[in-house]
Amino acid sequence: MSSRCERELLLVLPSGARPCHAFPAARTIALDLLGRGVRARLIYQHAVRGDLVTRALVRELTQHGAEVRTSAELIDPLVAFDREALVLPHSPDSPGEAGMTAAVAVRDPAMVAFACAAFENLWNTACPLIPDAKDTPHTIDALKKSIVRLMAMGHKDEMVARRLGISVRTCRRHIAEIMDEQGAISRFQAGVVLTRAGLVDDPFPADPTGLAENSSASPNNSRATEGPSPSAEPGTPLT
């Protein structure tokens, strides 16, 4: 597929601080297409910002014209060519883990369009990665907010770390910093404080659909809330 690509390459590479280990062909594909004048955009996880090997790779790619950004959480790995075809790398034995050994090719227009739209949504909220620049407070805060949100959803440290592509040790260090910053004595208290301050979205809104409020005001539901008519006799079907 890459040999036919003429306009645009989109890459999403999760798997933590060493995404190049998960999908080593990404570098070769990107450099080849960049050399042919194809625009290339890549999204990694924030965890790559602390990895020298990945920074060196990003430096090489950006020197050839690639655009690279990072996000706290990513969708599954994907490679899109000219918005016409997808390659979805994966590991048959351990989906989502590093060391992906297989791939699925997709040409269905609807699926390709959906995947590219998901990429654009990620790209618009991701942070530019400049290899020789220090991490910005924005990226660090985004990572911490994701940690708190996942904790509020009930995920344990190991799952939070896995979702964000960081080590459990790093995850726990961020949690300790969050608690210290908020003056919280427990993780739950830190989450409550941040949510009430509007710094983290509430993962469980009281009524996400608004059905509770609408049902009480809906004329169609008034009879159900009022109960059966006084004139109805036992066993008589209500109309």
C-alpha atoms as a PDB file:
ATOM      1  CA  MET A   1       0.000   0.000   0.000  1.00  0.00           C
ATOM      2  CA  SER A   2       2.794   2.422   0.848  1.00  0.00           C
ATOM      3  CA  SER A   3       4.194   2.125  -2.680  1.00  0.00           C
ATOM      4  CA  ARG A   4       0.955   3.618  -4.048  1.00  0.00           C
ATOM      5  CA  CYS A   5       0.685   6.429  -1.498  1.00  0.00           C
ATOM      6  CA  GLU A   6       1.029   9.844  -3.163  1.00  0.00           C
ATOM      7  CA  ARG A   7      -0.442  12.495  -0.861  1.00  0.00           C
ATOM      8  CA  GLU A   8      -0.737  11.747   2.856  1.00  0.00           C
ATOM      9  CA  LEU A   9       0.377   9.302   5.538  1.00  0.00           C
ATOM     10  CA  LEU A  10      -1.330   9.175   8.942  1.00  0.00           C
ATOM     11  CA  LEU A  11       0.198   7.151  11.767  1.00  0.00           C
ATOM     12  CA  VAL A  12      -1.053   6.440  15.287  1.00  0.00           C
ATOM     13  CA  LEU A  13       1.547   4.662  17.399  1.00  0.00           C
ATOM     14  CA  PRO A  14       0.651   3.885  21.013  1.00  0.00           C
ATOM     15  CA  SER A  15       2.476   1.250  23.120  1.00  0.00           C
ATOM     16  CA  GLY A  16       4.152   3.617  25.537  1.00  0.00           C
ATOM     17  CA  ALA A  17       7.635   5.066  25.446  1.00  0.00           C
ATOM     18  CA  ARG A  18       8.979   2.767  22.725  1.00  0.00           C
ATOM     19  CA  PRO A  19       6.373   2.675  19.939  1.00  0.00           C
ATOM     20  CA  CYS A  20       9.130   2.008  17.400  1.00  0.00           C
ATOM     21  CA  HIS A  21       9.598  -1.394  19.017  1.00  0.00           C
ATOM     22  CA  ALA A  22       5.929  -2.194  18.560  1.00  0.00           C
ATOM     23  CA  PHE A  23       5.841  -1.299  14.876  1.00  0.00           C
ATOM     24  CA  PRO A  24       9.421  -0.998  13.555  1.00  0.00           C
ATOM     25  CA  ALA A  25       8.237  -0.685   9.937  1.00  0.00           C
ATOM     26  CA  ALA A  26       6.752   2.734  10.727  1.00  0.00           C
ATOM     27  CA  ARG A  27      10.129   4.463  10.445  1.00  0.00           C
ATOM     28  CA  THR A  28      10.925   2.883   7.083  1.00  0.00           C
ATOM     29  CA  ILE A  29       7.481   3.645   5.669  1.00  0.00           C
ATOM     30  CA  ALA A  30       7.509   7.246   6.897  1.00  0.00           C
ATOM     31  CA  LEU A  31      11.012   8.049   5.633  1.00  0.00           C
ATOM     32  CA  ASP A  32      10.309   6.486   2.254  1.00  0.00           C
ATOM     33  CA  LEU A  33       7.126   8.484   1.752  1.00  0.00           C
ATOM     34  CA  LEU A  34       8.637  11.714   3.074  1.00  0.00           C
ATOM     35  CA  GLY A  35      11.416  11.291   0.532  1.00  0.00           C
ATOM     36  CA  ARG A  36       8.758  11.184  -2.182  1.00  0.00           C
ATOM     37  CA  GLY A  37       7.110  14.397  -0.994  1.00  0.00           C
ATOM     38  CA  VAL A  38       4.204  12.791   0.858  1.00  0.00           C
ATOM     39  CA  ARG A  39       2.906  14.649   3.906  1.00  0.00           C
ATOM     40  CA  ALA A  40       3.318  12.560   7.065  1.00  0.00           C
ATOM     41  CA  ARG A  41       1.667  13.112  10.440  1.00  0.00           C
ATOM     42  CA  LEU A  42       2.335  10.907  13.451  1.00  0.00           C
ATOM     43  CA  ILE A  43       0.730  10.731  16.896  1.00  0.00           C
ATOM     44  CA  TYR A  44       2.509   9.113  19.830  1.00  0.00           C
ATOM     45  CA  GLN A  45       1.654   8.947  23.519  1.00  0.00           C
ATOM     46  CA  HIS A  46       3.060  11.544  25.932  1.00  0.00           C
ATOM     47  CA  ALA A  47       5.318   8.823  27.354  1.00  0.00           C
ATOM     48  CA  VAL A  48       7.688   9.118  24.373  1.00  0.00           C
ATOM     49  CA  ARG A  49       8.736  12.559  25.541  1.00  0.00           C
ATOM     50  CA  GLY A  50      10.970  10.986  28.160  1.00  0.00           C
ATOM     51  CA  ASP A  51      12.569   8.402  25.881  1.00  0.00           C
ATOM     52  CA  LEU A  52      15.847   9.309  24.159  1.00  0.00           C
ATOM     53  CA  VAL A  53      15.554   6.610  21.492  1.00  0.00           C
ATOM     54  CA  THR A  54      12.125   7.775  20.375  1.00  0.00           C
ATOM     55  CA  ARG A  55      13.170  11.427  20.522  1.00  0.00           C
ATOM     56  CA  ALA A  56      16.048  10.600  18.176  1.00  0.00           C
ATOM     57  CA  LEU A  57      13.610   8.915  15.797  1.00  0.00           C
ATOM     58  CA  VAL A  58      11.260  11.895  15.943  1.00  0.00           C
ATOM     59  CA  ARG A  59      14.180  14.226  15.275  1.00  0.00           C
ATOM     60  CA  GLU A  60      15.055  12.229  12.172  1.00  0.00           C
ATOM     61  CA  LEU A  61      11.463  12.230  10.937  1.00  0.00           C
ATOM     62  CA  THR A  62      10.867  15.938  11.537  1.00  0.00           C
ATOM     63  CA  GLN A  63      14.111  16.809   9.756  1.00  0.00           C
ATOM     64  CA  HIS A  64      12.597  15.156   6.710  1.00  0.00           C
ATOM     65  CA  GLY A  65       9.350  17.110   7.071  1.00  0.00           C
ATOM     66  CA  ALA A  66       7.137  14.955   9.283  1.00  0.00           C
ATOM     67  CA  GLU A  67       4.746  16.520  11.786  1.00  0.00           C
ATOM     68  CA  VAL A  68       4.638  14.803  15.180  1.00  0.00           C
ATOM     69  CA  ARG A  69       2.326  15.282  18.153  1.00  0.00           C
ATOM     70  CA  THR A  70       1.596  13.409  21.368  1.00  0.00           C
ATOM     71  CA  SER A  71      -1.543  12.663  23.355  1.00  0.00           C
ATOM     72  CA  ALA A  72      -2.205  11.104  26.749  1.00  0.00           C
ATOM     73  CA  GLU A  73      -4.465   8.368  25.402  1.00  0.00           C
ATOM     74  CA  LEU A  74      -4.651   6.936  21.910  1.00  0.00           C
ATOM     75  CA  ILE A  75      -6.826   4.685  19.836  1.00  0.00           C
ATOM     76  CA  ASP A  76      -5.375   1.419  18.552  1.00  0.00           C
ATOM     77  CA  PRO A  77      -2.420   1.601  16.147  1.00  0.00           C
ATOM     78  CA  LEU A  78      -3.275   2.547  12.604  1.00  0.00           C
ATOM     79  CA  VAL A  79      -1.625   3.558   9.356  1.00  0.00           C
ATOM     80  CA  ALA A  80      -3.671   5.406   6.741  1.00  0.00           C
ATOM     81  CA  PHE A  81      -2.585   5.948   3.145  1.00  0.00           C
ATOM     82  CA  ASP A  82      -4.158   8.788   1.147  1.00  0.00           C
ATOM     83  CA  ARG A  83      -7.389   8.340   3.169  1.00  0.00           C
ATOM     84  CA  GLU A  84      -8.129   5.391   0.904  1.00  0.00           C
ATOM     85  CA  ALA A  85      -6.627   2.423   2.742  1.00  0.00           C
ATOM     86  CA  LEU A  86      -5.724   1.407   6.284  1.00  0.00           C
ATOM     87  CA  VAL A  87      -3.250  -0.968   7.829  1.00  0.00           C
ATOM     88  CA  LEU A  88      -4.148  -1.982  11.387  1.00  0.00           C
ATOM     89  CA  PRO A  89      -1.127  -3.581  13.098  1.00  0.00           C
ATOM     90  CA  HIS A  90      -1.872  -5.870  16.023  1.00  0.00           C
ATOM     91  CA  SER A  91      -0.640  -8.802  18.057  1.00  0.00           C
ATOM     92  CA  PRO A  92      -2.906 -11.866  17.723  1.00  0.00           C
ATOM     93  CA  ASP A  93      -1.865 -13.191  21.125  1.00  0.00           C
ATOM     94  CA  SER A  94      -1.932  -9.970  23.134  1.00  0.00           C
ATOM     95  CA  PRO A  95      -3.951  -7.174  21.505  1.00  0.00           C
ATOM     96  CA  GLY A  96      -2.624  -3.729  22.297  1.00  0.00           C
ATOM     97  CA  GLU A  97       0.732  -4.966  23.558  1.00  0.00           C
ATOM     98  CA  ALA A  98       4.137  -4.079  22.182  1.00  0.00           C
ATOM     99  CA  GLY A  99       5.604  -6.405  19.591  1.00  0.00           C
ATOM    100  CA  MET A 100       2.790  -6.384  17.047  1.00  0.00           C
ATOM    101  CA  THR A 101       3.382  -9.190  14.584  1.00  0.00           C
ATOM    102  CA  ALA A 102       0.365  -9.059  12.272  1.00  0.00           C
ATOM    103  CA  ALA A 103      -1.693  -6.525  10.369  1.00  0.00           C
ATOM    104  CA  VAL A 104      -5.072  -6.198   8.713  1.00  0.00           C
ATOM    105  CA  ALA A 105      -5.582  -4.238   5.499  1.00  0.00           C
ATOM    106  CA  VAL A 106      -8.839  -2.289   5.177  1.00  0.00           C
ATOM    107  CA  ARG A 107     -10.201  -0.538   2.097  1.00  0.00           C
ATOM    108  CA  ASP A 108     -13.855  -0.133   3.030  1.00  0.00           C
ATOM    109  CA  PRO A 109     -14.589   3.604   2.467  1.00  0.00           C
ATOM    110  CA  ALA A 110     -16.769   3.959   5.558  1.00  0.00           C
ATOM    111  CA  MET A 111     -14.210   2.379   7.876  1.00  0.00           C
ATOM    112  CA  VAL A 112     -11.359   4.365   6.359  1.00  0.00           C
ATOM    113  CA  ALA A 113     -13.310   7.612   6.746  1.00  0.00           C
ATOM    114  CA  PHE A 114     -14.158   6.761  10.359  1.00  0.00           C
ATOM    115  CA  ALA A 115     -10.523   6.007  11.214  1.00  0.00           C
ATOM    116  CA  CYS A 116      -9.282   9.198   9.570  1.00  0.00           C
ATOM    117  CA  ALA A 117     -11.883  11.252  11.435  1.00  0.00           C
ATOM    118  CA  ALA A 118     -10.717   9.673  14.691  1.00  0.00           C
ATOM    119  CA  PHE A 119      -7.157  10.608  13.769  1.00  0.00           C
ATOM    120  CA  GLU A 120      -8.139  14.230  13.134  1.00  0.00           C
ATOM    121  CA  ASN A 121      -9.912  14.449  16.492  1.00  0.00           C
ATOM    122  CA  LEU A 122      -6.775  13.192  18.223  1.00  0.00           C
ATOM    123  CA  TRP A 123      -4.538  15.471  16.187  1.00  0.00           C
ATOM    124  CA  ASN A 124      -6.526  18.592  17.040  1.00  0.00           C
ATOM    125  CA  THR A 125      -6.131  18.014  20.784  1.00  0.00           C
ATOM    126  CA  ALA A 126      -2.589  16.592  20.744  1.00  0.00           C
ATOM    127  CA  CYS A 127       0.547  18.559  21.639  1.00  0.00           C
ATOM    128  CA  PRO A 128       3.349  19.206  19.121  1.00  0.00           C
ATOM    129  CA  LEU A 129       6.521  17.261  19.890  1.00  0.00           C
ATOM    130  CA  ILE A 130       9.756  19.177  19.357  1.00  0.00           C
ATOM    131  CA  PRO A 131      12.593  16.692  20.010  1.00  0.00           C
ATOM    132  CA  ASP A 132      15.053  19.144  21.593  1.00  0.00           C
ATOM    133  CA  ALA A 133      12.512  21.070  23.663  1.00  0.00           C
ATOM    134  CA  LYS A 134      11.574  20.363  27.263  1.00  0.00           C
ATOM    135  CA  ASP A 135       8.135  19.092  28.170  1.00  0.00           C
ATOM    136  CA  THR A 136       5.590  21.848  28.491  1.00  0.00           C
ATOM    137  CA  PRO A 137       3.377  22.160  31.585  1.00  0.00           C
ATOM    138  CA  HIS A 138       0.416  21.548  29.266  1.00  0.00           C
ATOM    139  CA  THR A 139       1.495  18.019  28.352  1.00  0.00           C
ATOM    140  CA  ILE A 140       2.317  17.147  31.952  1.00  0.00           C
ATOM    141  CA  ASP A 141      -1.046  18.485  33.146  1.00  0.00           C
ATOM    142  CA  ALA A 142      -2.855  16.569  30.399  1.00  0.00           C
ATOM    143  CA  LEU A 143      -1.194  13.354  31.522  1.00  0.00           C
ATOM    144  CA  LYS A 144      -2.129  13.961  35.154  1.00  0.00           C
ATOM    145  CA  LYS A 145      -5.730  14.729  34.231  1.00  0.00           C
ATOM    146  CA  SER A 146      -5.935  11.461  32.343  1.00  0.00           C
ATOM    147  CA  ILE A 147      -4.549   9.633  35.369  1.00  0.00           C
ATOM    148  CA  VAL A 148      -7.189  11.150  37.662  1.00  0.00           C
ATOM    149  CA  ARG A 149      -9.991  10.423  35.186  1.00  0.00           C
ATOM    150  CA  LEU A 150      -8.989   6.776  34.834  1.00  0.00           C
ATOM    151  CA  MET A 151      -8.657   6.437  38.606  1.00  0.00           C
ATOM    152  CA  ALA A 152     -12.136   7.909  39.033  1.00  0.00           C
ATOM    153  CA  MET A 153     -13.422   5.228  36.661  1.00  0.00           C
ATOM    154  CA  GLY A 154     -12.105   2.600  39.051  1.00  0.00           C
ATOM    155  CA  HIS A 155      -8.982   1.503  37.181  1.00  0.00           C
ATOM    156  CA  LYS A 156      -6.042   0.283  39.240  1.00  0.00           C
ATOM    157  CA  ASP A 157      -2.535   1.676  38.893  1.00  0.00           C
ATOM    158  CA  GLU A 158      -1.444  -1.091  36.544  1.00  0.00           C
ATOM    159  CA  MET A 159      -4.325  -0.482  34.131  1.00  0.00           C
ATOM    160  CA  VAL A 160      -3.891   3.306  34.270  1.00  0.00           C
ATOM    161  CA  ALA A 161      -0.207   2.931  33.448  1.00  0.00           C
ATOM    162  CA  ARG A 162      -0.969   0.560  30.601  1.00  0.00           C
ATOM    163  CA  ARG A 163      -3.608   2.837  29.079  1.00  0.00           C
ATOM    164  CA  LEU A 164      -1.258   5.821  29.173  1.00  0.00           C
ATOM    165  CA  GLY A 165       1.838   3.970  28.039  1.00  0.00           C
ATOM    166  CA  ILE A 166       3.865   4.700  31.155  1.00  0.00           C
ATOM    167  CA  SER A 167       5.425   2.504  33.814  1.00  0.00           C
ATOM    168  CA  VAL A 168       3.543   1.726  37.020  1.00  0.00           C
ATOM    169  CA  ARG A 169       6.309   3.477  38.948  1.00  0.00           C
ATOM    170  CA  THR A 170       5.919   6.653  36.891  1.00  0.00           C
ATOM    171  CA  CYS A 171       2.152   6.466  37.255  1.00  0.00           C
ATOM    172  CA  ARG A 172       2.402   6.243  41.039  1.00  0.00           C
ATOM    173  CA  ARG A 173       4.868   9.125  41.124  1.00  0.00           C
ATOM    174  CA  HIS A 174       2.366  11.303  39.261  1.00  0.00           C
ATOM    175  CA  ILE A 175      -0.405  10.197  41.627  1.00  0.00           C
ATOM    176  CA  ALA A 176       1.708  11.201  44.623  1.00  0.00           C
ATOM    177  CA  GLU A 177       2.371  14.600  43.016  1.00  0.00           C
ATOM    178  CA  ILE A 178      -1.329  15.104  42.319  1.00  0.00           C
ATOM    179  CA  MET A 179      -2.247  14.336  45.928  1.00  0.00           C
ATOM    180  CA  ASP A 180       0.464  16.673  47.204  1.00  0.00           C
ATOM    181  CA  GLU A 181      -0.612  19.489  44.871  1.00  0.00           C
ATOM    182  CA  GLN A 182      -4.239  19.190  46.002  1.00  0.00           C
ATOM    183  CA  GLY A 183      -3.419  18.694  49.686  1.00  0.00           C
ATOM    184  CA  ALA A 184      -5.375  15.443  49.564  1.00  0.00           C
ATOM    185  CA  ILE A 185      -4.910  12.601  52.008  1.00  0.00           C
ATOM    186  CA  SER A 186      -6.373  10.000  49.655  1.00  0.00           C
ATOM    187  CA  ARG A 187      -6.650   9.392  45.935  1.00  0.00           C
ATOM    188  CA  PHE A 188     -10.424   9.609  46.102  1.00  0.00           C
ATOM    189  CA  GLN A 189     -10.242  13.021  47.763  1.00  0.00           C
ATOM    190  CA  ALA A 190      -7.832  14.270  45.098  1.00  0.00           C
ATOM    191  CA  GLY A 191     -10.222  13.130  42.375  1.00  0.00           C
ATOM    192  CA  VAL A 192     -13.198  14.808  44.044  1.00  0.00           C
ATOM    193  CA  VAL A 193     -11.316  18.089  44.474  1.00  0.00           C
ATOM    194  CA  LEU A 194     -10.178  18.168  40.844  1.00  0.00           C
ATOM    195  CA  THR A 195     -13.603  17.215  39.502  1.00  0.00           C
ATOM    196  CA  ARG A 196     -15.401  19.853  41.563  1.00  0.00           C
ATOM    197  CA  ALA A 197     -12.891  22.443  40.393  1.00  0.00           C
ATOM    198  CA  GLY A 198     -13.761  21.550  36.808  1.00  0.00           C
ATOM    199  CA  LEU A 199     -10.200  20.453  36.065  1.00  0.00           C
ATOM    200  CA  VAL A 200     -11.265  16.905  35.242  1.00  0.00           C
ATOM    201  CA  ASP A 201     -14.456  15.825  33.509  1.00  0.00           C
ATOM    202  CA  ASP A 202     -16.834  13.843  35.680  1.00  0.00           C
ATOM    203  CA  PRO A 203     -16.569  10.277  34.311  1.00  0.00           C
ATOM    204  CA  PHE A 204     -20.008   9.406  35.643  1.00  0.00           C
ATOM    205  CA  PRO A 205     -22.459  12.292  35.087  1.00  0.00           C
ATOM    206  CA  ALA A 206     -25.627  11.993  37.123  1.00  0.00           C
ATOM    207  CA  ASP A 207     -27.797  11.879  34.001  1.00  0.00           C
ATOM    208  CA  PRO A 208     -25.709  11.705  30.817  1.00  0.00           C
ATOM    209  CA  THR A 209     -28.741  11.430  28.504  1.00  0.00           C
ATOM    210  CA  GLY A 210     -31.092  13.843  30.223  1.00  0.00           C
ATOM    211  CA  LEU A 211     -33.804  11.179  30.238  1.00  0.00           C
ATOM    212  CA  ALA A 212     -34.558  11.564  33.921  1.00  0.00           C
ATOM    213  CA  GLU A 213     -35.503  15.221  33.566  1.00  0.00           C
ATOM    214  CA  ASN A 214     -37.350  14.726  30.294  1.00  0.00           C
ATOM    215  CA  SER A 215     -39.331  11.751  31.520  1.00  0.00           C
ATOM    216  CA  SER A 216     -40.760  13.663  34.454  1.00  0.00           C
ATOM    217  CA  ALA A 217     -41.943  16.469  32.199  1.00  0.00           C
ATOM    218  CA  SER A 218     -43.128  14.394  29.267  1.00  0.00           C
ATOM    219  CA  PRO A 219     -46.933  14.232  28.814  1.00  0.00           C
ATOM    220  CA  ASN A 220     -46.562  10.688  27.515  1.00  0.00           C
ATOM    221  CA  ASN A 221     -45.277   9.560  30.878  1.00  0.00           C
ATOM    222  CA  SER A 222     -47.804  11.381  33.067  1.00  0.00           C
ATOM    223  CA  ARG A 223     -50.206   8.463  33.276  1.00  0.00           C
ATOM    224  CA  ALA A 224     -47.420   6.085  34.231  1.00  0.00           C
ATOM    225  CA  THR A 225     -46.373   8.313  37.114  1.00  0.00           C
ATOM    226  CA  GLU A 226     -49.914   9.004  38.315  1.00  0.00           C
ATOM    227  CA  GLY A 227     -50.894   5.334  38.547  1.00  0.00           C
ATOM    228  CA  PRO A 228     -54.098   3.610  37.402  1.00  0.00           C
ATOM    229  CA  SER A 229     -57.370   5.446  37.087  1.00  0.00           C
ATOM    230  CA  PRO A 230     -59.589   5.251  40.194  1.00  0.00           C
ATOM    231  CA  SER A 231     -62.396   3.812  38.039  1.00  0.00           C
ATOM    232  CA  ALA A 232     -60.331   0.872  36.877  1.00  0.00           C
ATOM    233  CA  GLU A 233     -61.262  -2.453  38.404  1.00  0.00           C
ATOM    234  CA  PRO A 234     -58.705  -5.098  39.343  1.00  0.00           C
ATOM    235  CA  GLY A 235     -57.718  -7.138  36.316  1.00  0.00           C
ATOM    236  CA  THR A 236     -59.077  -4.572  33.836  1.00  0.00           C
ATOM    237  CA  PRO A 237     -56.450  -3.710  31.179  1.00  0.00           C
ATOM    238  CA  LEU A 238     -55.471  -0.058  31.173  1.00  0.00           C
ATOM    239  CA  THR A 239     -55.739   1.761  27.830  1.00  0.00           C
END
